[in-house]
Amino acid sequence: MPATGKPRQTAPAGLRKRAEFLAVRRGEKRRGRLFLLEVLQRDGSAPPRVGYTVTKKVGNAVVRNRVRRRLKEAVRLHAAGDMQPGSDYVVVGREEVLRASFAEIGNELSRRLRKTR
């Protein structure tokens, strides 16, 4: 347990290969103001996996990495428990993530993962 006294949360497994990212594109798309969430159901017993994408339209490498880091931390802290077993997720970040509060990003992720508006 870290010094803060809170249990450490672990991030879900990651998507690594391009073919895995492309496979998720065939699944359901859940659009939001801060990001696009793509979801693909796999077998029901495997742990959820997640991948992150930020296009060059968002900005240079520094900006894209800041967006990706904010999304990864929001998933780890707020949304990992809302992910369904046997699902793959791809979060396509938008530039608005940089202007949104961290709580807003976490709430939006949780809401999109649970399929609520």
PDB file of N, CA and C in Angstrom:
ATOM      1  N   MET A   1       0.845  -1.163   0.000  1.00  0.00           N
ATOM      2  CA  MET A   1       0.000   0.000   0.000  1.00  0.00           C
ATOM      3  C   MET A   1       0.899   1.238   0.000  1.00  0.00           C
ATOM      4  N   PRO A   2       0.613   2.223  -0.875  1.00  0.00           N
ATOM      5  CA  PRO A   2       1.437   3.426  -0.925  1.00  0.00           C
ATOM      6  C   PRO A   2       1.274   4.282   0.331  1.00  0.00           C
ATOM      7  N   ALA A   3       2.099   5.300   0.433  1.00  0.00           N
ATOM      8  CA  ALA A   3       2.117   6.161   1.620  1.00  0.00           C
ATOM      9  C   ALA A   3       0.817   6.929   1.812  1.00  0.00           C
ATOM     10  N   THR A   4       0.001   7.063   0.775  1.00  0.00           N
ATOM     11  CA  THR A   4      -1.249   7.815   0.898  1.00  0.00           C
ATOM     12  C   THR A   4      -2.305   7.048   1.677  1.00  0.00           C
ATOM     13  N   GLY A   5      -2.111   5.751   1.866  1.00  0.00           N
ATOM     14  CA  GLY A   5      -3.075   4.940   2.592  1.00  0.00           C
ATOM     15  C   GLY A   5      -4.168   4.364   1.723  1.00  0.00           C
ATOM     16  N   LYS A   6      -4.178   4.702   0.443  1.00  0.00           N
ATOM     17  CA  LYS A   6      -5.184   4.177  -0.478  1.00  0.00           C
ATOM     18  C   LYS A   6      -4.593   2.978  -1.211  1.00  0.00           C
ATOM     19  N   PRO A   7      -5.397   1.972  -1.502  1.00  0.00           N
ATOM     20  CA  PRO A   7      -4.866   0.836  -2.261  1.00  0.00           C
ATOM     21  C   PRO A   7      -4.505   1.265  -3.681  1.00  0.00           C
ATOM     22  N   ARG A   8      -3.436   0.709  -4.180  1.00  0.00           N
ATOM     23  CA  ARG A   8      -2.970   1.036  -5.527  1.00  0.00           C
ATOM     24  C   ARG A   8      -3.853   0.320  -6.553  1.00  0.00           C
ATOM     25  N   GLN A   9      -4.315   1.066  -7.544  1.00  0.00           N
ATOM     26  CA  GLN A   9      -5.129   0.477  -8.597  1.00  0.00           C
ATOM     27  C   GLN A   9      -4.233   0.155  -9.782  1.00  0.00           C
ATOM     28  N   THR A  10      -4.517  -0.941 -10.439  1.00  0.00           N
ATOM     29  CA  THR A  10      -3.720  -1.335 -11.590  1.00  0.00           C
ATOM     30  C   THR A  10      -4.483  -1.035 -12.867  1.00  0.00           C
ATOM     31  N   ALA A  11      -3.741  -0.746 -13.894  1.00  0.00           N
ATOM     32  CA  ALA A  11      -4.335  -0.465 -15.194  1.00  0.00           C
ATOM     33  C   ALA A  11      -4.691  -1.776 -15.884  1.00  0.00           C
ATOM     34  N   PRO A  12      -5.722  -1.756 -16.728  1.00  0.00           N
ATOM     35  CA  PRO A  12      -6.041  -2.965 -17.495  1.00  0.00           C
ATOM     36  C   PRO A  12      -4.929  -3.276 -18.495  1.00  0.00           C
ATOM     37  N   ALA A  13      -4.922  -4.500 -18.984  1.00  0.00           N
ATOM     38  CA  ALA A  13      -3.917  -4.912 -19.966  1.00  0.00           C
ATOM     39  C   ALA A  13      -4.032  -4.033 -21.204  1.00  0.00           C
ATOM     40  N   GLY A  14      -2.934  -3.903 -21.929  1.00  0.00           N
ATOM     41  CA  GLY A  14      -2.906  -3.013 -23.083  1.00  0.00           C
ATOM     42  C   GLY A  14      -2.977  -3.746 -24.406  1.00  0.00           C
ATOM     43  N   LEU A  15      -3.511  -3.056 -25.403  1.00  0.00           N
ATOM     44  CA  LEU A  15      -3.442  -3.521 -26.777  1.00  0.00           C
ATOM     45  C   LEU A  15      -2.089  -3.082 -27.310  1.00  0.00           C
ATOM     46  N   ARG A  16      -1.377  -3.947 -28.000  1.00  0.00           N
ATOM     47  CA  ARG A  16      -0.022  -3.628 -28.440  1.00  0.00           C
ATOM     48  C   ARG A  16       0.134  -3.618 -29.958  1.00  0.00           C
ATOM     49  N   LYS A  17      -0.514  -4.540 -30.644  1.00  0.00           N
ATOM     50  CA  LYS A  17      -0.265  -4.717 -32.064  1.00  0.00           C
ATOM     51  C   LYS A  17      -1.297  -3.957 -32.900  1.00  0.00           C
ATOM     52  N   ARG A  18      -0.856  -3.506 -34.066  1.00  0.00           N
ATOM     53  CA  ARG A  18      -1.733  -2.760 -34.960  1.00  0.00           C
ATOM     54  C   ARG A  18      -2.971  -3.574 -35.325  1.00  0.00           C
ATOM     55  N   ALA A  19      -2.817  -4.865 -35.522  1.00  0.00           N
ATOM     56  CA  ALA A  19      -3.950  -5.720 -35.880  1.00  0.00           C
ATOM     57  C   ALA A  19      -5.012  -5.717 -34.777  1.00  0.00           C
ATOM     58  N   GLU A  20      -4.598  -5.630 -33.517  1.00  0.00           N
ATOM     59  CA  GLU A  20      -5.557  -5.577 -32.410  1.00  0.00           C
ATOM     60  C   GLU A  20      -6.337  -4.264 -32.447  1.00  0.00           C
ATOM     61  N   PHE A  21      -5.656  -3.157 -32.717  1.00  0.00           N
ATOM     62  CA  PHE A  21      -6.327  -1.864 -32.819  1.00  0.00           C
ATOM     63  C   PHE A  21      -7.316  -1.863 -33.985  1.00  0.00           C
ATOM     64  N   LEU A  22      -6.903  -2.421 -35.125  1.00  0.00           N
ATOM     65  CA  LEU A  22      -7.783  -2.458 -36.297  1.00  0.00           C
ATOM     66  C   LEU A  22      -8.989  -3.349 -36.058  1.00  0.00           C
ATOM     67  N   ALA A  23      -8.817  -4.429 -35.314  1.00  0.00           N
ATOM     68  CA  ALA A  23      -9.948  -5.311 -35.015  1.00  0.00           C
ATOM     69  C   ALA A  23     -11.002  -4.577 -34.191  1.00  0.00           C
ATOM     70  N   VAL A  24     -10.577  -3.743 -33.259  1.00  0.00           N
ATOM     71  CA  VAL A  24     -11.521  -3.019 -32.404  1.00  0.00           C
ATOM     72  C   VAL A  24     -12.321  -2.002 -33.218  1.00  0.00           C
ATOM     73  N   ARG A  25     -11.768  -1.510 -34.315  1.00  0.00           N
ATOM     74  CA  ARG A  25     -12.488  -0.542 -35.159  1.00  0.00           C
ATOM     75  C   ARG A  25     -13.775  -1.127 -35.726  1.00  0.00           C
ATOM     76  N   ARG A  26     -13.863  -2.455 -35.836  1.00  0.00           N
ATOM     77  CA  ARG A  26     -15.079  -3.098 -36.348  1.00  0.00           C
ATOM     78  C   ARG A  26     -16.206  -3.069 -35.323  1.00  0.00           C
ATOM     79  N   GLY A  27     -15.886  -2.791 -34.078  1.00  0.00           N
ATOM     80  CA  GLY A  27     -16.867  -2.845 -33.004  1.00  0.00           C
ATOM     81  C   GLY A  27     -17.704  -1.578 -32.892  1.00  0.00           C
ATOM     82  N   GLU A  28     -18.316  -1.439 -31.748  1.00  0.00           N
ATOM     83  CA  GLU A  28     -19.207  -0.315 -31.460  1.00  0.00           C
ATOM     84  C   GLU A  28     -18.403   0.959 -31.201  1.00  0.00           C
ATOM     85  N   LYS A  29     -18.955   2.101 -31.656  1.00  0.00           N
ATOM     86  CA  LYS A  29     -18.313   3.395 -31.437  1.00  0.00           C
ATOM     87  C   LYS A  29     -19.202   4.245 -30.534  1.00  0.00           C
ATOM     88  N   ARG A  30     -18.603   4.778 -29.479  1.00  0.00           N
ATOM     89  CA  ARG A  30     -19.318   5.642 -28.542  1.00  0.00           C
ATOM     90  C   ARG A  30     -18.637   7.002 -28.560  1.00  0.00           C
ATOM     91  N   ARG A  31     -19.299   7.967 -29.175  1.00  0.00           N
ATOM     92  CA  ARG A  31     -18.707   9.286 -29.360  1.00  0.00           C
ATOM     93  C   ARG A  31     -18.948  10.177 -28.150  1.00  0.00           C
ATOM     94  N   GLY A  32     -17.960  10.995 -27.858  1.00  0.00           N
ATOM     95  CA  GLY A  32     -18.059  11.953 -26.770  1.00  0.00           C
ATOM     96  C   GLY A  32     -17.323  13.228 -27.126  1.00  0.00           C
ATOM     97  N   ARG A  33     -17.476  14.237 -26.307  1.00  0.00           N
ATOM     98  CA  ARG A  33     -16.829  15.523 -26.550  1.00  0.00           C
ATOM     99  C   ARG A  33     -15.314  15.427 -26.392  1.00  0.00           C
ATOM    100  N   LEU A  34     -14.859  14.618 -25.444  1.00  0.00           N
ATOM    101  CA  LEU A  34     -13.436  14.538 -25.126  1.00  0.00           C
ATOM    102  C   LEU A  34     -12.701  13.442 -25.880  1.00  0.00           C
ATOM    103  N   PHE A  35     -13.414  12.408 -26.303  1.00  0.00           N
ATOM    104  CA  PHE A  35     -12.760  11.278 -26.957  1.00  0.00           C
ATOM    105  C   PHE A  35     -13.803  10.417 -27.658  1.00  0.00           C
ATOM    106  N   LEU A  36     -13.326   9.519 -28.494  1.00  0.00           N
ATOM    107  CA  LEU A  36     -14.137   8.483 -29.120  1.00  0.00           C
ATOM    108  C   LEU A  36     -13.736   7.171 -28.470  1.00  0.00           C
ATOM    109  N   LEU A  37     -14.713   6.385 -28.062  1.00  0.00           N
ATOM    110  CA  LEU A  37     -14.440   5.093 -27.445  1.00  0.00           C
ATOM    111  C   LEU A  37     -14.934   4.004 -28.386  1.00  0.00           C
ATOM    112  N   GLU A  38     -14.030   3.132 -28.807  1.00  0.00           N
ATOM    113  CA  GLU A  38     -14.377   1.992 -29.652  1.00  0.00           C
ATOM    114  C   GLU A  38     -14.337   0.741 -28.786  1.00  0.00           C
ATOM    115  N   VAL A  39     -15.373  -0.105 -28.929  1.00  0.00           N
ATOM    116  CA  VAL A  39     -15.518  -1.276 -28.062  1.00  0.00           C
ATOM    117  C   VAL A  39     -15.757  -2.505 -28.930  1.00  0.00           C
ATOM    118  N   LEU A  40     -15.045  -3.588 -28.625  1.00  0.00           N
ATOM    119  CA  LEU A  40     -15.234  -4.867 -29.306  1.00  0.00           C
ATOM    120  C   LEU A  40     -15.337  -5.967 -28.265  1.00  0.00           C
ATOM    121  N   GLN A  41     -16.408  -6.760 -28.335  1.00  0.00           N
ATOM    122  CA  GLN A  41     -16.589  -7.883 -27.415  1.00  0.00           C
ATOM    123  C   GLN A  41     -15.783  -9.076 -27.931  1.00  0.00           C
ATOM    124  N   ARG A  42     -14.976  -9.677 -27.036  1.00  0.00           N
ATOM    125  CA  ARG A  42     -14.240 -10.903 -27.345  1.00  0.00           C
ATOM    126  C   ARG A  42     -14.889 -12.025 -26.554  1.00  0.00           C
ATOM    127  N   ASP A  43     -14.096 -13.008 -26.150  1.00  0.00           N
ATOM    128  CA  ASP A  43     -14.628 -14.072 -25.298  1.00  0.00           C
ATOM    129  C   ASP A  43     -14.888 -13.507 -23.905  1.00  0.00           C
ATOM    130  N   GLY A  44     -15.844 -14.078 -23.200  1.00  0.00           N
ATOM    131  CA  GLY A  44     -16.330 -13.510 -21.951  1.00  0.00           C
ATOM    132  C   GLY A  44     -15.442 -13.654 -20.739  1.00  0.00           C
ATOM    133  N   SER A  45     -14.444 -14.518 -20.756  1.00  0.00           N
ATOM    134  CA  SER A  45     -13.687 -14.771 -19.540  1.00  0.00           C
ATOM    135  C   SER A  45     -12.359 -14.008 -19.461  1.00  0.00           C
ATOM    136  N   ALA A  46     -11.880 -13.478 -20.571  1.00  0.00           N
ATOM    137  CA  ALA A  46     -10.582 -12.805 -20.588  1.00  0.00           C
ATOM    138  C   ALA A  46     -10.680 -11.426 -19.934  1.00  0.00           C
ATOM    139  N   PRO A  47      -9.604 -10.947 -19.339  1.00  0.00           N
ATOM    140  CA  PRO A  47      -9.641  -9.599 -18.747  1.00  0.00           C
ATOM    141  C   PRO A  47      -9.754  -8.542 -19.837  1.00  0.00           C
ATOM    142  N   PRO A  48     -10.306  -7.375 -19.513  1.00  0.00           N
ATOM    143  CA  PRO A  48     -10.429  -6.314 -20.524  1.00  0.00           C
ATOM    144  C   PRO A  48      -9.061  -5.785 -20.927  1.00  0.00           C
ATOM    145  N   ARG A  49      -8.976  -5.325 -22.177  1.00  0.00           N
ATOM    146  CA  ARG A  49      -7.748  -4.709 -22.683  1.00  0.00           C
ATOM    147  C   ARG A  49      -8.093  -3.332 -23.235  1.00  0.00           C
ATOM    148  N   VAL A  50      -7.136  -2.423 -23.154  1.00  0.00           N
ATOM    149  CA  VAL A  50      -7.389  -1.063 -23.620  1.00  0.00           C
ATOM    150  C   VAL A  50      -6.171  -0.538 -24.381  1.00  0.00           C
ATOM    151  N   GLY A  51      -6.440   0.271 -25.407  1.00  0.00           N
ATOM    152  CA  GLY A  51      -5.395   0.924 -26.174  1.00  0.00           C
ATOM    153  C   GLY A  51      -5.741   2.398 -26.336  1.00  0.00           C
ATOM    154  N   TYR A  52      -4.740   3.217 -26.598  1.00  0.00           N
ATOM    155  CA  TYR A  52      -4.919   4.665 -26.701  1.00  0.00           C
ATOM    156  C   TYR A  52      -4.357   5.150 -28.017  1.00  0.00           C
ATOM    157  N   THR A  53      -5.092   6.049 -28.671  1.00  0.00           N
ATOM    158  CA  THR A  53      -4.661   6.633 -29.926  1.00  0.00           C
ATOM    159  C   THR A  53      -4.941   8.127 -29.883  1.00  0.00           C
ATOM    160  N   VAL A  54      -3.994   8.904 -30.343  1.00  0.00           N
ATOM    161  CA  VAL A  54      -4.182  10.346 -30.492  1.00  0.00           C
ATOM    162  C   VAL A  54      -3.605  10.709 -31.858  1.00  0.00           C
ATOM    163  N   THR A  55      -4.430  11.271 -32.738  1.00  0.00           N
ATOM    164  CA  THR A  55      -3.993  11.547 -34.103  1.00  0.00           C
ATOM    165  C   THR A  55      -3.139  12.803 -34.173  1.00  0.00           C
ATOM    166  N   LYS A  56      -2.446  12.969 -35.286  1.00  0.00           N
ATOM    167  CA  LYS A  56      -1.583  14.132 -35.479  1.00  0.00           C
ATOM    168  C   LYS A  56      -2.370  15.428 -35.600  1.00  0.00           C
ATOM    169  N   LYS A  57      -3.678  15.330 -35.862  1.00  0.00           N
ATOM    170  CA  LYS A  57      -4.508  16.535 -35.915  1.00  0.00           C
ATOM    171  C   LYS A  57      -4.531  17.250 -34.569  1.00  0.00           C
ATOM    172  N   VAL A  58      -4.330  16.510 -33.494  1.00  0.00           N
ATOM    173  CA  VAL A  58      -4.393  17.069 -32.144  1.00  0.00           C
ATOM    174  C   VAL A  58      -3.212  18.004 -31.891  1.00  0.00           C
ATOM    175  N   GLY A  59      -2.031  17.674 -32.400  1.00  0.00           N
ATOM    176  CA  GLY A  59      -0.869  18.532 -32.182  1.00  0.00           C
ATOM    177  C   GLY A  59       0.420  17.758 -32.366  1.00  0.00           C
ATOM    178  N   ASN A  60       1.492  18.364 -31.882  1.00  0.00           N
ATOM    179  CA  ASN A  60       2.795  17.714 -32.023  1.00  0.00           C
ATOM    180  C   ASN A  60       2.923  16.580 -30.997  1.00  0.00           C
ATOM    181  N   ALA A  61       4.071  15.927 -30.981  1.00  0.00           N
ATOM    182  CA  ALA A  61       4.268  14.746 -30.137  1.00  0.00           C
ATOM    183  C   ALA A  61       4.098  15.067 -28.661  1.00  0.00           C
ATOM    184  N   VAL A  62       4.529  16.234 -28.233  1.00  0.00           N
ATOM    185  CA  VAL A  62       4.409  16.608 -26.825  1.00  0.00           C
ATOM    186  C   VAL A  62       2.941  16.704 -26.423  1.00  0.00           C
ATOM    187  N   VAL A  63       2.140  17.357 -27.244  1.00  0.00           N
ATOM    188  CA  VAL A  63       0.709  17.514 -26.952  1.00  0.00           C
ATOM    189  C   VAL A  63       0.011  16.163 -26.986  1.00  0.00           C
ATOM    190  N   ARG A  64       0.320  15.352 -27.998  1.00  0.00           N
ATOM    191  CA  ARG A  64      -0.323  14.035 -28.105  1.00  0.00           C
ATOM    192  C   ARG A  64       0.005  13.171 -26.903  1.00  0.00           C
ATOM    193  N   ASN A  65       1.241  13.205 -26.437  1.00  0.00           N
ATOM    194  CA  ASN A  65       1.618  12.403 -25.274  1.00  0.00           C
ATOM    195  C   ASN A  65       0.935  12.900 -24.007  1.00  0.00           C
ATOM    196  N   ARG A  66       0.746  14.208 -23.867  1.00  0.00           N
ATOM    197  CA  ARG A  66       0.022  14.741 -22.707  1.00  0.00           C
ATOM    198  C   ARG A  66      -1.415  14.251 -22.701  1.00  0.00           C
ATOM    199  N   VAL A  67      -2.070  14.249 -23.868  1.00  0.00           N
ATOM    200  CA  VAL A  67      -3.441  13.743 -23.979  1.00  0.00           C
ATOM    201  C   VAL A  67      -3.469  12.272 -23.595  1.00  0.00           C
ATOM    202  N   ARG A  68      -2.543  11.490 -24.139  1.00  0.00           N
ATOM    203  CA  ARG A  68      -2.501  10.049 -23.872  1.00  0.00           C
ATOM    204  C   ARG A  68      -2.259   9.760 -22.390  1.00  0.00           C
ATOM    205  N   ARG A  69      -1.351  10.493 -21.770  1.00  0.00           N
ATOM    206  CA  ARG A  69      -1.067  10.278 -20.347  1.00  0.00           C
ATOM    207  C   ARG A  69      -2.275  10.606 -19.479  1.00  0.00           C
ATOM    208  N   ARG A  70      -2.995  11.678 -19.789  1.00  0.00           N
ATOM    209  CA  ARG A  70      -4.187  12.037 -19.014  1.00  0.00           C
ATOM    210  C   ARG A  70      -5.265  10.957 -19.152  1.00  0.00           C
ATOM    211  N   LEU A  71      -5.445  10.438 -20.371  1.00  0.00           N
ATOM    212  CA  LEU A  71      -6.445   9.390 -20.586  1.00  0.00           C
ATOM    213  C   LEU A  71      -6.060   8.105 -19.858  1.00  0.00           C
ATOM    214  N   LYS A  72      -4.798   7.729 -19.918  1.00  0.00           N
ATOM    215  CA  LYS A  72      -4.348   6.495 -19.257  1.00  0.00           C
ATOM    216  C   LYS A  72      -4.559   6.572 -17.749  1.00  0.00           C
ATOM    217  N   GLU A  73      -4.249   7.703 -17.162  1.00  0.00           N
ATOM    218  CA  GLU A  73      -4.407   7.846 -15.716  1.00  0.00           C
ATOM    219  C   GLU A  73      -5.885   7.879 -15.329  1.00  0.00           C
ATOM    220  N   ALA A  74      -6.713   8.510 -16.145  1.00  0.00           N
ATOM    221  CA  ALA A  74      -8.152   8.537 -15.863  1.00  0.00           C
ATOM    222  C   ALA A  74      -8.747   7.135 -15.937  1.00  0.00           C
ATOM    223  N   VAL A  75      -8.311   6.335 -16.897  1.00  0.00           N
ATOM    224  CA  VAL A  75      -8.788   4.951 -16.986  1.00  0.00           C
ATOM    225  C   VAL A  75      -8.332   4.177 -15.758  1.00  0.00           C
ATOM    226  N   ARG A  76      -7.081   4.335 -15.382  1.00  0.00           N
ATOM    227  CA  ARG A  76      -6.549   3.588 -14.237  1.00  0.00           C
ATOM    228  C   ARG A  76      -7.286   3.935 -12.948  1.00  0.00           C
ATOM    229  N   LEU A  77      -7.543   5.211 -12.707  1.00  0.00           N
ATOM    230  CA  LEU A  77      -8.138   5.631 -11.446  1.00  0.00           C
ATOM    231  C   LEU A  77      -9.654   5.542 -11.404  1.00  0.00           C
ATOM    232  N   HIS A  78     -10.314   5.887 -12.503  1.00  0.00           N
ATOM    233  CA  HIS A  78     -11.769   6.041 -12.470  1.00  0.00           C
ATOM    234  C   HIS A  78     -12.547   4.974 -13.224  1.00  0.00           C
ATOM    235  N   ALA A  79     -12.003   4.474 -14.323  1.00  0.00           N
ATOM    236  CA  ALA A  79     -12.831   3.698 -15.238  1.00  0.00           C
ATOM    237  C   ALA A  79     -12.478   2.225 -15.352  1.00  0.00           C
ATOM    238  N   ALA A  80     -11.375   1.779 -14.777  1.00  0.00           N
ATOM    239  CA  ALA A  80     -10.966   0.377 -14.941  1.00  0.00           C
ATOM    240  C   ALA A  80     -12.021  -0.573 -14.391  1.00  0.00           C
ATOM    241  N   GLY A  81     -12.706  -0.199 -13.330  1.00  0.00           N
ATOM    242  CA  GLY A  81     -13.742  -1.057 -12.752  1.00  0.00           C
ATOM    243  C   GLY A  81     -14.998  -1.148 -13.584  1.00  0.00           C
ATOM    244  N   ASP A  82     -15.204  -0.194 -14.504  1.00  0.00           N
ATOM    245  CA  ASP A  82     -16.391  -0.198 -15.353  1.00  0.00           C
ATOM    246  C   ASP A  82     -16.212  -1.027 -16.623  1.00  0.00           C
ATOM    247  N   MET A  83     -15.007  -1.509 -16.868  1.00  0.00           N
ATOM    248  CA  MET A  83     -14.745  -2.280 -18.086  1.00  0.00           C
ATOM    249  C   MET A  83     -15.271  -3.701 -17.933  1.00  0.00           C
ATOM    250  N   GLN A  84     -15.882  -4.185 -19.003  1.00  0.00           N
ATOM    251  CA  GLN A  84     -16.465  -5.520 -19.009  1.00  0.00           C
ATOM    252  C   GLN A  84     -15.402  -6.562 -19.347  1.00  0.00           C
ATOM    253  N   PRO A  85     -15.401  -7.704 -18.638  1.00  0.00           N
ATOM    254  CA  PRO A  85     -14.466  -8.777 -19.002  1.00  0.00           C
ATOM    255  C   PRO A  85     -14.724  -9.245 -20.435  1.00  0.00           C
ATOM    256  N   GLY A  86     -13.667  -9.587 -21.130  1.00  0.00           N
ATOM    257  CA  GLY A  86     -13.798 -10.079 -22.494  1.00  0.00           C
ATOM    258  C   GLY A  86     -13.988  -8.989 -23.522  1.00  0.00           C
ATOM    259  N   SER A  87     -13.688  -7.745 -23.190  1.00  0.00           N
ATOM    260  CA  SER A  87     -13.859  -6.631 -24.120  1.00  0.00           C
ATOM    261  C   SER A  87     -12.521  -5.964 -24.400  1.00  0.00           C
ATOM    262  N   ASP A  88     -12.407  -5.427 -25.622  1.00  0.00           N
ATOM    263  CA  ASP A  88     -11.272  -4.598 -25.996  1.00  0.00           C
ATOM    264  C   ASP A  88     -11.787  -3.182 -26.185  1.00  0.00           C
ATOM    265  N   TYR A  89     -11.006  -2.202 -25.722  1.00  0.00           N
ATOM    266  CA  TYR A  89     -11.373  -0.795 -25.829  1.00  0.00           C
ATOM    267  C   TYR A  89     -10.235  -0.028 -26.469  1.00  0.00           C
ATOM    268  N   VAL A  90     -10.581   0.912 -27.356  1.00  0.00           N
ATOM    269  CA  VAL A  90      -9.618   1.866 -27.888  1.00  0.00           C
ATOM    270  C   VAL A  90     -10.166   3.251 -27.608  1.00  0.00           C
ATOM    271  N   VAL A  91      -9.371   4.083 -26.939  1.00  0.00           N
ATOM    272  CA  VAL A  91      -9.755   5.449 -26.629  1.00  0.00           C
ATOM    273  C   VAL A  91      -8.991   6.364 -27.583  1.00  0.00           C
ATOM    274  N   VAL A  92      -9.740   7.076 -28.435  1.00  0.00           N
ATOM    275  CA  VAL A  92      -9.145   8.006 -29.389  1.00  0.00           C
ATOM    276  C   VAL A  92      -9.286   9.401 -28.798  1.00  0.00           C
ATOM    277  N   GLY A  93      -8.179   9.952 -28.315  1.00  0.00           N
ATOM    278  CA  GLY A  93      -8.205  11.229 -27.600  1.00  0.00           C
ATOM    279  C   GLY A  93      -8.349  12.426 -28.508  1.00  0.00           C
ATOM    280  N   ARG A  94      -8.987  13.460 -27.974  1.00  0.00           N
ATOM    281  CA  ARG A  94      -9.129  14.736 -28.670  1.00  0.00           C
ATOM    282  C   ARG A  94      -8.439  15.818 -27.855  1.00  0.00           C
ATOM    283  N   GLU A  95      -8.197  16.951 -28.482  1.00  0.00           N
ATOM    284  CA  GLU A  95      -7.471  18.038 -27.836  1.00  0.00           C
ATOM    285  C   GLU A  95      -8.217  18.603 -26.633  1.00  0.00           C
ATOM    286  N   GLU A  96      -9.526  18.464 -26.587  1.00  0.00           N
ATOM    287  CA  GLU A  96     -10.331  18.986 -25.479  1.00  0.00           C
ATOM    288  C   GLU A  96      -9.962  18.339 -24.145  1.00  0.00           C
ATOM    289  N   VAL A  97      -9.311  17.181 -24.182  1.00  0.00           N
ATOM    290  CA  VAL A  97      -8.884  16.501 -22.952  1.00  0.00           C
ATOM    291  C   VAL A  97      -7.941  17.399 -22.145  1.00  0.00           C
ATOM    292  N   LEU A  98      -7.152  18.205 -22.836  1.00  0.00           N
ATOM    293  CA  LEU A  98      -6.197  19.075 -22.141  1.00  0.00           C
ATOM    294  C   LEU A  98      -6.890  20.203 -21.375  1.00  0.00           C
ATOM    295  N   ARG A  99      -8.058  20.633 -21.847  1.00  0.00           N
ATOM    296  CA  ARG A  99      -8.770  21.737 -21.192  1.00  0.00           C
ATOM    297  C   ARG A  99      -9.781  21.254 -20.164  1.00  0.00           C
ATOM    298  N   ALA A 100     -10.076  19.984 -20.145  1.00  0.00           N
ATOM    299  CA  ALA A 100     -11.062  19.436 -19.213  1.00  0.00           C
ATOM    300  C   ALA A 100     -10.406  19.124 -17.868  1.00  0.00           C
ATOM    301  N   SER A 101     -11.204  19.209 -16.809  1.00  0.00           N
ATOM    302  CA  SER A 101     -10.679  18.829 -15.496  1.00  0.00           C
ATOM    303  C   SER A 101     -10.515  17.312 -15.451  1.00  0.00           C
ATOM    304  N   PHE A 102      -9.651  16.864 -14.567  1.00  0.00           N
ATOM    305  CA  PHE A 102      -9.382  15.429 -14.470  1.00  0.00           C
ATOM    306  C   PHE A 102     -10.622  14.656 -14.041  1.00  0.00           C
ATOM    307  N   ALA A 103     -11.415  15.241 -13.133  1.00  0.00           N
ATOM    308  CA  ALA A 103     -12.658  14.592 -12.693  1.00  0.00           C
ATOM    309  C   ALA A 103     -13.643  14.474 -13.851  1.00  0.00           C
ATOM    310  N   GLU A 104     -13.688  15.483 -14.694  1.00  0.00           N
ATOM    311  CA  GLU A 104     -14.589  15.452 -15.846  1.00  0.00           C
ATOM    312  C   GLU A 104     -14.192  14.341 -16.818  1.00  0.00           C
ATOM    313  N   ILE A 105     -12.901  14.162 -17.029  1.00  0.00           N
ATOM    314  CA  ILE A 105     -12.427  13.094 -17.916  1.00  0.00           C
ATOM    315  C   ILE A 105     -12.816  11.731 -17.342  1.00  0.00           C
ATOM    316  N   GLY A 106     -12.585  11.538 -16.047  1.00  0.00           N
ATOM    317  CA  GLY A 106     -12.929  10.266 -15.409  1.00  0.00           C
ATOM    318  C   GLY A 106     -14.416   9.971 -15.455  1.00  0.00           C
ATOM    319  N   ASN A 107     -15.245  10.987 -15.201  1.00  0.00           N
ATOM    320  CA  ASN A 107     -16.697  10.795 -15.246  1.00  0.00           C
ATOM    321  C   ASN A 107     -17.168  10.463 -16.652  1.00  0.00           C
ATOM    322  N   GLU A 108     -16.621  11.155 -17.640  1.00  0.00           N
ATOM    323  CA  GLU A 108     -16.991  10.901 -19.030  1.00  0.00           C
ATOM    324  C   GLU A 108     -16.585   9.485 -19.448  1.00  0.00           C
ATOM    325  N   LEU A 109     -15.404   9.046 -19.050  1.00  0.00           N
ATOM    326  CA  LEU A 109     -14.964   7.685 -19.365  1.00  0.00           C
ATOM    327  C   LEU A 109     -15.893   6.653 -18.739  1.00  0.00           C
ATOM    328  N   SER A 110     -16.192   6.819 -17.481  1.00  0.00           N
ATOM    329  CA  SER A 110     -17.076   5.870 -16.798  1.00  0.00           C
ATOM    330  C   SER A 110     -18.441   5.820 -17.460  1.00  0.00           C
ATOM    331  N   ARG A 111     -18.951   6.988 -17.820  1.00  0.00           N
ATOM    332  CA  ARG A 111     -20.276   7.048 -18.444  1.00  0.00           C
ATOM    333  C   ARG A 111     -20.271   6.351 -19.805  1.00  0.00           C
ATOM    334  N   ARG A 112     -19.254   6.588 -20.603  1.00  0.00           N
ATOM    335  CA  ARG A 112     -19.172   5.941 -21.927  1.00  0.00           C
ATOM    336  C   ARG A 112     -18.976   4.435 -21.801  1.00  0.00           C
ATOM    337  N   LEU A 113     -18.203   3.999 -20.818  1.00  0.00           N
ATOM    338  CA  LEU A 113     -17.991   2.563 -20.632  1.00  0.00           C
ATOM    339  C   LEU A 113     -19.276   1.865 -20.218  1.00  0.00           C
ATOM    340  N   ARG A 114     -20.116   2.541 -19.446  1.00  0.00           N
ATOM    341  CA  ARG A 114     -21.382   1.950 -19.004  1.00  0.00           C
ATOM    342  C   ARG A 114     -22.499   2.149 -20.018  1.00  0.00           C
ATOM    343  N   LYS A 115     -22.192   2.805 -21.155  1.00  0.00           N
ATOM    344  CA  LYS A 115     -23.152   3.054 -22.240  1.00  0.00           C
ATOM    345  C   LYS A 115     -24.249   4.039 -21.866  1.00  0.00           C
ATOM    346  N   THR A 116     -24.014   4.934 -20.953  1.00  0.00           N
ATOM    347  CA  THR A 116     -25.026   5.929 -20.619  1.00  0.00           C
ATOM    348  C   THR A 116     -24.607   7.269 -21.194  1.00  0.00           C
ATOM    349  N   ARG A 117     -25.557   8.112 -21.462  1.00  0.00           N
ATOM    350  CA  ARG A 117     -25.277   9.433 -22.052  1.00  0.00           C
ATOM    351  C   ARG A 117     -24.914  10.428 -21.034  1.00  0.00           C
TER     352      ARG A 117
END
